[in-house]
Structure formats: structure tokens, C-alpha cells
Amino acid sequence: MIPFGAFVRIADGIEGLVHNTQFGDEPVEDPGQIVSEGDEITVRIVEVDLVRRRLTLSARNLPQSEKRSD
């Protein structure tokens, strides 16, 4: 958890950032309002930056049928 989002491990050694604006329709001030360390959430990969070795993730607008632990 960081002030502007939360890092999510999507596989061993692979993590990405879910920014505070990507948890729902409204931005959150503190990602701890939505998730806690150790929670399993479903995310979508929004951007892959190979040069900077970064993944941008989103938990927004996922259909209810996709909301499972990944």
C-alpha cells in the first residue's frame, strides 16, 4: 500500500500498480478504504511499459461474473 495506490502481485515476481483512480468509479483518498494487504482482488492489465518494466492495473468496470480471486 502506498498513498496513491496499491501494488498487486499477479504472479510470482510480477507486480503492478492499481492507482487510487482505478479502484472504482470514484477515486479514493486511501487505498486502504478498498483493500487490505493480503486481499485477493481481480484486476485488468491496462498498460505494459517494457522500458520502465511497469504494469498499470485497474479494478474498475469489471463485470460481476469476472469478480473472482486471481
PDB file of N, CA and C in Angstrom:
ATOM      1  N   MET A   1       0.848  -1.167   0.000  1.00  0.00           N
ATOM      2  CA  MET A   1       0.000   0.000   0.000  1.00  0.00           C
ATOM      3  C   MET A   1       0.900   1.237   0.000  1.00  0.00           C
ATOM      4  N   ILE A   2       0.539   2.174  -0.830  1.00  0.00           N
ATOM      5  CA  ILE A   2       1.223   3.449  -0.887  1.00  0.00           C
ATOM      6  C   ILE A   2       0.152   4.537  -0.931  1.00  0.00           C
ATOM      7  N   PRO A   3       0.503   5.795  -0.663  1.00  0.00           N
ATOM      8  CA  PRO A   3      -0.533   6.841  -0.586  1.00  0.00           C
ATOM      9  C   PRO A   3      -1.382   6.992  -1.855  1.00  0.00           C
ATOM     10  N   PHE A   4      -0.830   6.673  -3.023  1.00  0.00           N
ATOM     11  CA  PHE A   4      -1.587   6.905  -4.257  1.00  0.00           C
ATOM     12  C   PHE A   4      -2.068   5.621  -4.919  1.00  0.00           C
ATOM     13  N   GLY A   5      -2.001   4.492  -4.221  1.00  0.00           N
ATOM     14  CA  GLY A   5      -2.490   3.254  -4.790  1.00  0.00           C
ATOM     15  C   GLY A   5      -1.996   2.039  -4.035  1.00  0.00           C
ATOM     16  N   ALA A   6      -2.098   0.906  -4.684  1.00  0.00           N
ATOM     17  CA  ALA A   6      -1.660  -0.346  -4.072  1.00  0.00           C
ATOM     18  C   ALA A   6      -0.997  -1.212  -5.133  1.00  0.00           C
ATOM     19  N   PHE A   7       0.076  -1.866  -4.732  1.00  0.00           N
ATOM     20  CA  PHE A   7       0.711  -2.820  -5.620  1.00  0.00           C
ATOM     21  C   PHE A   7       0.017  -4.162  -5.459  1.00  0.00           C
ATOM     22  N   VAL A   8      -0.201  -4.828  -6.596  1.00  0.00           N
ATOM     23  CA  VAL A   8      -0.886  -6.107  -6.621  1.00  0.00           C
ATOM     24  C   VAL A   8       0.037  -7.130  -7.267  1.00  0.00           C
ATOM     25  N   ARG A   9       0.250  -8.239  -6.586  1.00  0.00           N
ATOM     26  CA  ARG A   9       1.056  -9.325  -7.151  1.00  0.00           C
ATOM     27  C   ARG A   9       0.140 -10.159  -8.034  1.00  0.00           C
ATOM     28  N   ILE A  10       0.479 -10.237  -9.325  1.00  0.00           N
ATOM     29  CA  ILE A  10      -0.365 -11.014 -10.238  1.00  0.00           C
ATOM     30  C   ILE A  10       0.241 -12.383 -10.539  1.00  0.00           C
ATOM     31  N   ALA A  11       1.511 -12.560 -10.218  1.00  0.00           N
ATOM     32  CA  ALA A  11       2.205 -13.844 -10.323  1.00  0.00           C
ATOM     33  C   ALA A  11       3.491 -13.710  -9.517  1.00  0.00           C
ATOM     34  N   ASP A  12       4.169 -14.824  -9.261  1.00  0.00           N
ATOM     35  CA  ASP A  12       5.426 -14.747  -8.517  1.00  0.00           C
ATOM     36  C   ASP A  12       6.392 -13.819  -9.234  1.00  0.00           C
ATOM     37  N   GLY A  13       6.846 -12.793  -8.525  1.00  0.00           N
ATOM     38  CA  GLY A  13       7.817 -11.851  -9.076  1.00  0.00           C
ATOM     39  C   GLY A  13       7.245 -10.814 -10.021  1.00  0.00           C
ATOM     40  N   ILE A  14       5.919 -10.802 -10.209  1.00  0.00           N
ATOM     41  CA  ILE A  14       5.294  -9.837 -11.113  1.00  0.00           C
ATOM     42  C   ILE A  14       4.232  -9.057 -10.343  1.00  0.00           C
ATOM     43  N   GLU A  15       4.469  -7.750 -10.238  1.00  0.00           N
ATOM     44  CA  GLU A  15       3.536  -6.869  -9.539  1.00  0.00           C
ATOM     45  C   GLU A  15       3.201  -5.682 -10.418  1.00  0.00           C
ATOM     46  N   GLY A  16       2.048  -5.100 -10.183  1.00  0.00           N
ATOM     47  CA  GLY A  16       1.631  -3.897 -10.890  1.00  0.00           C
ATOM     48  C   GLY A  16       0.916  -2.967  -9.932  1.00  0.00           C
ATOM     49  N   LEU A  17       0.718  -1.745 -10.368  1.00  0.00           N
ATOM     50  CA  LEU A  17       0.096  -0.729  -9.529  1.00  0.00           C
ATOM     51  C   LEU A  17      -1.359  -0.510  -9.928  1.00  0.00           C
ATOM     52  N   VAL A  18      -2.235  -0.499  -8.929  1.00  0.00           N
ATOM     53  CA  VAL A  18      -3.607  -0.036  -9.099  1.00  0.00           C
ATOM     54  C   VAL A  18      -3.647   1.352  -8.461  1.00  0.00           C
ATOM     55  N   HIS A  19      -3.772   2.379  -9.287  1.00  0.00           N
ATOM     56  CA  HIS A  19      -3.811   3.756  -8.796  1.00  0.00           C
ATOM     57  C   HIS A  19      -5.145   4.006  -8.097  1.00  0.00           C
ATOM     58  N   ASN A  20      -5.161   4.970  -7.186  1.00  0.00           N
ATOM     59  CA  ASN A  20      -6.392   5.300  -6.448  1.00  0.00           C
ATOM     60  C   ASN A  20      -7.576   5.583  -7.365  1.00  0.00           C
ATOM     61  N   THR A  21      -7.325   6.051  -8.570  1.00  0.00           N
ATOM     62  CA  THR A  21      -8.410   6.345  -9.510  1.00  0.00           C
ATOM     63  C   THR A  21      -8.925   5.096 -10.208  1.00  0.00           C
ATOM     64  N   GLN A  22      -8.285   3.948  -9.989  1.00  0.00           N
ATOM     65  CA  GLN A  22      -8.640   2.727 -10.704  1.00  0.00           C
ATOM     66  C   GLN A  22      -9.308   1.659  -9.838  1.00  0.00           C
ATOM     67  N   PHE A  23      -9.756   2.037  -8.646  1.00  0.00           N
ATOM     68  CA  PHE A  23     -10.453   1.072  -7.790  1.00  0.00           C
ATOM     69  C   PHE A  23     -11.948   1.051  -8.028  1.00  0.00           C
ATOM     70  N   GLY A  24     -12.501   2.140  -8.521  1.00  0.00           N
ATOM     71  CA  GLY A  24     -13.936   2.216  -8.747  1.00  0.00           C
ATOM     72  C   GLY A  24     -14.268   3.457  -9.537  1.00  0.00           C
ATOM     73  N   ASP A  25     -15.546   3.759  -9.613  1.00  0.00           N
ATOM     74  CA  ASP A  25     -15.986   4.922 -10.385  1.00  0.00           C
ATOM     75  C   ASP A  25     -15.499   6.231  -9.786  1.00  0.00           C
ATOM     76  N   GLU A  26     -15.347   6.279  -8.474  1.00  0.00           N
ATOM     77  CA  GLU A  26     -14.870   7.481  -7.788  1.00  0.00           C
ATOM     78  C   GLU A  26     -13.477   7.214  -7.234  1.00  0.00           C
ATOM     79  N   PRO A  27     -12.547   8.164  -7.381  1.00  0.00           N
ATOM     80  CA  PRO A  27     -11.221   7.983  -6.791  1.00  0.00           C
ATOM     81  C   PRO A  27     -11.318   7.874  -5.268  1.00  0.00           C
ATOM     82  N   VAL A  28     -10.403   7.146  -4.679  1.00  0.00           N
ATOM     83  CA  VAL A  28     -10.353   7.032  -3.224  1.00  0.00           C
ATOM     84  C   VAL A  28      -9.128   7.789  -2.707  1.00  0.00           C
ATOM     85  N   GLU A  29      -9.250   8.337  -1.516  1.00  0.00           N
ATOM     86  CA  GLU A  29      -8.132   9.054  -0.904  1.00  0.00           C
ATOM     87  C   GLU A  29      -7.061   8.079  -0.434  1.00  0.00           C
ATOM     88  N   ASP A  30      -7.511   6.949   0.099  1.00  0.00           N
ATOM     89  CA  ASP A  30      -6.615   5.976   0.712  1.00  0.00           C
ATOM     90  C   ASP A  30      -6.999   4.595   0.189  1.00  0.00           C
ATOM     91  N   PRO A  31      -6.070   3.879  -0.451  1.00  0.00           N
ATOM     92  CA  PRO A  31      -6.427   2.554  -0.970  1.00  0.00           C
ATOM     93  C   PRO A  31      -6.872   1.596   0.128  1.00  0.00           C
ATOM     94  N   GLY A  32      -6.497   1.877   1.375  1.00  0.00           N
ATOM     95  CA  GLY A  32      -6.929   1.054   2.497  1.00  0.00           C
ATOM     96  C   GLY A  32      -8.431   1.089   2.721  1.00  0.00           C
ATOM     97  N   GLN A  33      -9.122   2.066   2.098  1.00  0.00           N
ATOM     98  CA  GLN A  33     -10.583   2.109   2.171  1.00  0.00           C
ATOM     99  C   GLN A  33     -11.201   0.979   1.351  1.00  0.00           C
ATOM    100  N   ILE A  34     -10.453   0.471   0.384  1.00  0.00           N
ATOM    101  CA  ILE A  34     -10.978  -0.526  -0.551  1.00  0.00           C
ATOM    102  C   ILE A  34     -10.368  -1.906  -0.311  1.00  0.00           C
ATOM    103  N   VAL A  35      -9.058  -1.959  -0.104  1.00  0.00           N
ATOM    104  CA  VAL A  35      -8.362  -3.235   0.039  1.00  0.00           C
ATOM    105  C   VAL A  35      -7.433  -3.197   1.250  1.00  0.00           C
ATOM    106  N   SER A  36      -7.093  -4.386   1.708  1.00  0.00           N
ATOM    107  CA  SER A  36      -6.110  -4.543   2.781  1.00  0.00           C
ATOM    108  C   SER A  36      -5.013  -5.466   2.270  1.00  0.00           C
ATOM    109  N   GLU A  37      -3.843  -5.342   2.858  1.00  0.00           N
ATOM    110  CA  GLU A  37      -2.744  -6.213   2.465  1.00  0.00           C
ATOM    111  C   GLU A  37      -3.174  -7.666   2.635  1.00  0.00           C
ATOM    112  N   GLY A  38      -2.916  -8.469   1.618  1.00  0.00           N
ATOM    113  CA  GLY A  38      -3.288  -9.882   1.641  1.00  0.00           C
ATOM    114  C   GLY A  38      -4.605 -10.187   0.963  1.00  0.00           C
ATOM    115  N   ASP A  39      -5.430  -9.173   0.680  1.00  0.00           N
ATOM    116  CA  ASP A  39      -6.694  -9.394  -0.035  1.00  0.00           C
ATOM    117  C   ASP A  39      -6.415  -9.907  -1.442  1.00  0.00           C
ATOM    118  N   GLU A  40      -7.303 -10.737  -1.944  1.00  0.00           N
ATOM    119  CA  GLU A  40      -7.247 -11.181  -3.326  1.00  0.00           C
ATOM    120  C   GLU A  40      -8.315 -10.416  -4.097  1.00  0.00           C
ATOM    121  N   ILE A  41      -7.884  -9.711  -5.153  1.00  0.00           N
ATOM    122  CA  ILE A  41      -8.821  -8.942  -5.969  1.00  0.00           C
ATOM    123  C   ILE A  41      -8.588  -9.274  -7.437  1.00  0.00           C
ATOM    124  N   THR A  42      -9.583  -9.013  -8.246  1.00  0.00           N
ATOM    125  CA  THR A  42      -9.474  -9.198  -9.682  1.00  0.00           C
ATOM    126  C   THR A  42      -9.098  -7.862 -10.311  1.00  0.00           C
ATOM    127  N   VAL A  43      -8.107  -7.889 -11.172  1.00  0.00           N
ATOM    128  CA  VAL A  43      -7.666  -6.679 -11.859  1.00  0.00           C
ATOM    129  C   VAL A  43      -7.509  -6.979 -13.347  1.00  0.00           C
ATOM    130  N   ARG A  44      -7.452  -5.909 -14.097  1.00  0.00           N
ATOM    131  CA  ARG A  44      -7.229  -5.996 -15.542  1.00  0.00           C
ATOM    132  C   ARG A  44      -5.932  -5.245 -15.838  1.00  0.00           C
ATOM    133  N   ILE A  45      -5.112  -5.782 -16.735  1.00  0.00           N
ATOM    134  CA  ILE A  45      -3.894  -5.091 -17.158  1.00  0.00           C
ATOM    135  C   ILE A  45      -4.287  -4.014 -18.153  1.00  0.00           C
ATOM    136  N   VAL A  46      -3.954  -2.760 -17.830  1.00  0.00           N
ATOM    137  CA  VAL A  46      -4.315  -1.614 -18.654  1.00  0.00           C
ATOM    138  C   VAL A  46      -3.149  -1.209 -19.549  1.00  0.00           C
ATOM    139  N   GLU A  47      -1.943  -1.281 -19.013  1.00  0.00           N
ATOM    140  CA  GLU A  47      -0.777  -0.849 -19.770  1.00  0.00           C
ATOM    141  C   GLU A  47       0.444  -1.657 -19.347  1.00  0.00           C
ATOM    142  N   VAL A  48       1.280  -1.981 -20.337  1.00  0.00           N
ATOM    143  CA  VAL A  48       2.552  -2.634 -20.093  1.00  0.00           C
ATOM    144  C   VAL A  48       3.639  -1.710 -20.609  1.00  0.00           C
ATOM    145  N   ASP A  49       4.519  -1.282 -19.723  1.00  0.00           N
ATOM    146  CA  ASP A  49       5.646  -0.416 -20.095  1.00  0.00           C
ATOM    147  C   ASP A  49       6.906  -1.265 -19.991  1.00  0.00           C
ATOM    148  N   LEU A  50       7.349  -1.803 -21.134  1.00  0.00           N
ATOM    149  CA  LEU A  50       8.502  -2.694 -21.137  1.00  0.00           C
ATOM    150  C   LEU A  50       9.793  -1.965 -20.782  1.00  0.00           C
ATOM    151  N   VAL A  51       9.922  -0.730 -21.224  1.00  0.00           N
ATOM    152  CA  VAL A  51      11.144   0.037 -20.962  1.00  0.00           C
ATOM    153  C   VAL A  51      11.318   0.272 -19.465  1.00  0.00           C
ATOM    154  N   ARG A  52      10.253   0.714 -18.804  1.00  0.00           N
ATOM    155  CA  ARG A  52      10.324   1.007 -17.363  1.00  0.00           C
ATOM    156  C   ARG A  52       9.970  -0.206 -16.512  1.00  0.00           C
ATOM    157  N   ARG A  53       9.608  -1.316 -17.176  1.00  0.00           N
ATOM    158  CA  ARG A  53       9.244  -2.563 -16.510  1.00  0.00           C
ATOM    159  C   ARG A  53       8.119  -2.344 -15.494  1.00  0.00           C
ATOM    160  N   ARG A  54       7.013  -1.753 -15.994  1.00  0.00           N
ATOM    161  CA  ARG A  54       5.870  -1.443 -15.138  1.00  0.00           C
ATOM    162  C   ARG A  54       4.581  -1.950 -15.752  1.00  0.00           C
ATOM    163  N   LEU A  55       3.686  -2.382 -14.878  1.00  0.00           N
ATOM    164  CA  LEU A  55       2.331  -2.740 -15.276  1.00  0.00           C
ATOM    165  C   LEU A  55       1.375  -1.767 -14.611  1.00  0.00           C
ATOM    166  N   THR A  56       0.428  -1.258 -15.376  1.00  0.00           N
ATOM    167  CA  THR A  56      -0.647  -0.452 -14.821  1.00  0.00           C
ATOM    168  C   THR A  56      -1.882  -1.340 -14.792  1.00  0.00           C
ATOM    169  N   LEU A  57      -2.509  -1.428 -13.628  1.00  0.00           N
ATOM    170  CA  LEU A  57      -3.652  -2.307 -13.432  1.00  0.00           C
ATOM    171  C   LEU A  57      -4.889  -1.501 -13.076  1.00  0.00           C
ATOM    172  N   SER A  58      -6.062  -2.098 -13.313  1.00  0.00           N
ATOM    173  CA  SER A  58      -7.318  -1.456 -12.967  1.00  0.00           C
ATOM    174  C   SER A  58      -8.273  -2.487 -12.379  1.00  0.00           C
ATOM    175  N   ALA A  59      -9.041  -2.055 -11.402  1.00  0.00           N
ATOM    176  CA  ALA A  59     -10.112  -2.875 -10.836  1.00  0.00           C
ATOM    177  C   ALA A  59     -11.468  -2.267 -11.176  1.00  0.00           C
ATOM    178  N   ARG A  60     -11.479  -1.287 -12.093  1.00  0.00           N
ATOM    179  CA  ARG A  60     -12.715  -0.588 -12.466  1.00  0.00           C
ATOM    180  C   ARG A  60     -13.487  -1.343 -13.537  1.00  0.00           C
ATOM    181  N   ASN A  61     -14.793  -1.193 -13.470  1.00  0.00           N
ATOM    182  CA  ASN A  61     -15.708  -1.641 -14.521  1.00  0.00           C
ATOM    183  C   ASN A  61     -15.536  -3.105 -14.906  1.00  0.00           C
ATOM    184  N   LEU A  62     -15.291  -3.945 -13.924  1.00  0.00           N
ATOM    185  CA  LEU A  62     -15.227  -5.372 -14.192  1.00  0.00           C
ATOM    186  C   LEU A  62     -16.620  -5.956 -14.008  1.00  0.00           C
ATOM    187  N   PRO A  63     -17.100  -6.728 -14.981  1.00  0.00           N
ATOM    188  CA  PRO A  63     -18.423  -7.354 -14.809  1.00  0.00           C
ATOM    189  C   PRO A  63     -18.434  -8.228 -13.561  1.00  0.00           C
ATOM    190  N   GLN A  64     -19.581  -8.336 -12.917  1.00  0.00           N
ATOM    191  CA  GLN A  64     -19.694  -9.107 -11.690  1.00  0.00           C
ATOM    192  C   GLN A  64     -19.221 -10.539 -11.884  1.00  0.00           C
ATOM    193  N   SER A  65     -19.436 -11.126 -13.067  1.00  0.00           N
ATOM    194  CA  SER A  65     -19.028 -12.507 -13.294  1.00  0.00           C
ATOM    195  C   SER A  65     -17.515 -12.661 -13.302  1.00  0.00           C
ATOM    196  N   GLU A  66     -16.774 -11.557 -13.542  1.00  0.00           N
ATOM    197  CA  GLU A  66     -15.321 -11.611 -13.544  1.00  0.00           C
ATOM    198  C   GLU A  66     -14.738 -11.357 -12.175  1.00  0.00           C
ATOM    199  N   LYS A  67     -15.552 -10.948 -11.209  1.00  0.00           N
ATOM    200  CA  LYS A  67     -15.027 -10.603  -9.890  1.00  0.00           C
ATOM    201  C   LYS A  67     -14.770 -11.884  -9.111  1.00  0.00           C
ATOM    202  N   ARG A  68     -13.598 -12.436  -9.344  1.00  0.00           N
ATOM    203  CA  ARG A  68     -13.161 -13.626  -8.628  1.00  0.00           C
ATOM    204  C   ARG A  68     -11.724 -13.404  -8.197  1.00  0.00           C
ATOM    205  N   SER A  69     -11.202 -14.225  -7.355  1.00  0.00           N
ATOM    206  CA  SER A  69      -9.833 -14.060  -6.881  1.00  0.00           C
ATOM    207  C   SER A  69      -8.863 -14.575  -7.923  1.00  0.00           C
ATOM    208  N   ASP A  70      -7.951 -13.726  -8.360  1.00  0.00           N
ATOM    209  CA  ASP A  70      -6.901 -14.116  -9.312  1.00  0.00           C
ATOM    210  C   ASP A  70      -5.549 -13.932  -8.677  1.00  0.00           C
TER     211      ASP A  70
END
